[in-house]
Amino acid sequence: MNQGIEMADNEQKITIDGTEYPLSSLSDEAKTQITNLRFVDNEIAQLKAKLAIASTAKLTYQAALKNALPKDTP
């Protein structure tokens, strides 16, 4: 679901799946779900950032291990 908030004519609007809705026209339940989606989107972004950091660290540790291994294997 694509969503975005815009300010137009001093009224906030949100676009969901290509349809624009004035925030004032949405039910409290819809507003709650929008808040929930924003929270989850933020959590996903943070987790992706942590995964990128962990992946980079893993590559660094692998390279360090290769450098620490004996060069001549029997």
C-alpha atoms as a PDB file:
ATOM      1  CA  MET A   1       0.000   0.000   0.000  1.00  0.00           C
ATOM      2  CA  ASN A   2       1.484   3.312  -1.042  1.00  0.00           C
ATOM      3  CA  GLN A   3       0.827   6.242   1.209  1.00  0.00           C
ATOM      4  CA  GLY A   4       1.959   9.826   1.447  1.00  0.00           C
ATOM      5  CA  ILE A   5       0.791  12.959   3.216  1.00  0.00           C
ATOM      6  CA  GLU A   6       0.440  16.257   1.429  1.00  0.00           C
ATOM      7  CA  MET A   7      -0.609  19.733   2.496  1.00  0.00           C
ATOM      8  CA  ALA A   8      -3.037  21.341   0.102  1.00  0.00           C
ATOM      9  CA  ASP A   9      -5.398  24.218   0.738  1.00  0.00           C
ATOM     10  CA  ASN A  10      -4.353  24.176   4.422  1.00  0.00           C
ATOM     11  CA  GLU A  11      -5.764  20.681   4.798  1.00  0.00           C
ATOM     12  CA  GLN A  12      -3.679  17.560   5.197  1.00  0.00           C
ATOM     13  CA  LYS A  13      -4.394  14.807   2.728  1.00  0.00           C
ATOM     14  CA  ILE A  14      -3.123  11.286   2.415  1.00  0.00           C
ATOM     15  CA  THR A  15      -2.776   9.303  -0.780  1.00  0.00           C
ATOM     16  CA  ILE A  16      -3.397   5.575  -0.479  1.00  0.00           C
ATOM     17  CA  ASP A  17      -3.149   3.342  -3.527  1.00  0.00           C
ATOM     18  CA  GLY A  18      -3.470   6.371  -5.802  1.00  0.00           C
ATOM     19  CA  THR A  19      -6.566   7.816  -4.108  1.00  0.00           C
ATOM     20  CA  GLU A  20      -6.301  11.056  -2.143  1.00  0.00           C
ATOM     21  CA  TYR A  21      -8.244  11.424   1.113  1.00  0.00           C
ATOM     22  CA  PRO A  22      -8.535  14.461   3.382  1.00  0.00           C
ATOM     23  CA  LEU A  23      -7.351  13.357   6.829  1.00  0.00           C
ATOM     24  CA  SER A  24     -10.363  15.077   8.364  1.00  0.00           C
ATOM     25  CA  SER A  25     -12.661  12.707   6.440  1.00  0.00           C
ATOM     26  CA  LEU A  26     -11.092   9.544   7.867  1.00  0.00           C
ATOM     27  CA  SER A  27     -12.468   7.641  10.807  1.00  0.00           C
ATOM     28  CA  ASP A  28     -10.519   7.360  14.034  1.00  0.00           C
ATOM     29  CA  GLU A  29      -9.896   3.694  13.167  1.00  0.00           C
ATOM     30  CA  ALA A  30      -8.397   4.662   9.793  1.00  0.00           C
ATOM     31  CA  LYS A  31      -6.194   7.297  11.464  1.00  0.00           C
ATOM     32  CA  THR A  32      -5.064   4.706  14.016  1.00  0.00           C
ATOM     33  CA  GLN A  33      -4.134   2.288  11.232  1.00  0.00           C
ATOM     34  CA  ILE A  34      -2.187   5.029   9.435  1.00  0.00           C
ATOM     35  CA  THR A  35      -0.278   5.669  12.663  1.00  0.00           C
ATOM     36  CA  ASN A  36       0.351   1.931  13.016  1.00  0.00           C
ATOM     37  CA  LEU A  37       1.626   1.692   9.443  1.00  0.00           C
ATOM     38  CA  ARG A  38       3.980   4.639   9.944  1.00  0.00           C
ATOM     39  CA  PHE A  39       5.338   3.041  13.121  1.00  0.00           C
ATOM     40  CA  VAL A  40       5.889  -0.302  11.390  1.00  0.00           C
ATOM     41  CA  ASP A  41       7.495   1.354   8.353  1.00  0.00           C
ATOM     42  CA  ASN A  42       9.912   3.113  10.714  1.00  0.00           C
ATOM     43  CA  GLU A  43      10.684  -0.158  12.516  1.00  0.00           C
ATOM     44  CA  ILE A  44      11.337  -1.913   9.197  1.00  0.00           C
ATOM     45  CA  ALA A  45      13.699   0.883   8.142  1.00  0.00           C
ATOM     46  CA  GLN A  46      15.591   0.601  11.435  1.00  0.00           C
ATOM     47  CA  LEU A  47      15.841  -3.177  11.110  1.00  0.00           C
ATOM     48  CA  LYS A  48      17.118  -2.866   7.529  1.00  0.00           C
ATOM     49  CA  ALA A  49      19.785  -0.442   8.744  1.00  0.00           C
ATOM     50  CA  LYS A  50      20.803  -2.849  11.513  1.00  0.00           C
ATOM     51  CA  LEU A  51      20.930  -5.721   9.009  1.00  0.00           C
ATOM     52  CA  ALA A  52      23.185  -3.668   6.734  1.00  0.00           C
ATOM     53  CA  ILE A  53      25.507  -2.957   9.664  1.00  0.00           C
ATOM     54  CA  ALA A  54      25.564  -6.630  10.690  1.00  0.00           C
ATOM     55  CA  SER A  55      26.198  -7.758   7.103  1.00  0.00           C
ATOM     56  CA  THR A  56      29.106  -5.350   6.796  1.00  0.00           C
ATOM     57  CA  ALA A  57      30.523  -6.530  10.118  1.00  0.00           C
ATOM     58  CA  LYS A  58      30.214 -10.158   9.000  1.00  0.00           C
ATOM     59  CA  LEU A  59      32.185  -9.452   5.819  1.00  0.00           C
ATOM     60  CA  THR A  60      34.853  -7.674   7.868  1.00  0.00           C
ATOM     61  CA  TYR A  61      35.113 -10.577  10.309  1.00  0.00           C
ATOM     62  CA  GLN A  62      35.336 -13.056   7.446  1.00  0.00           C
ATOM     63  CA  ALA A  63      38.165 -11.070   5.882  1.00  0.00           C
ATOM     64  CA  ALA A  64      39.936 -10.862   9.252  1.00  0.00           C
ATOM     65  CA  LEU A  65      39.581 -14.623   9.696  1.00  0.00           C
ATOM     66  CA  LYS A  66      41.056 -15.285   6.257  1.00  0.00           C
ATOM     67  CA  ASN A  67      44.002 -13.040   7.136  1.00  0.00           C
ATOM     68  CA  ALA A  68      44.451 -14.839  10.465  1.00  0.00           C
ATOM     69  CA  LEU A  69      44.569 -18.318   8.923  1.00  0.00           C
ATOM     70  CA  PRO A  70      47.928 -19.928   8.215  1.00  0.00           C
ATOM     71  CA  LYS A  71      49.142 -19.135   4.724  1.00  0.00           C
ATOM     72  CA  ASP A  72      50.711 -22.545   4.141  1.00  0.00           C
ATOM     73  CA  THR A  73      48.253 -25.402   4.522  1.00  0.00           C
ATOM     74  CA  PRO A  74      49.670 -28.926   4.838  1.00  0.00           C
END
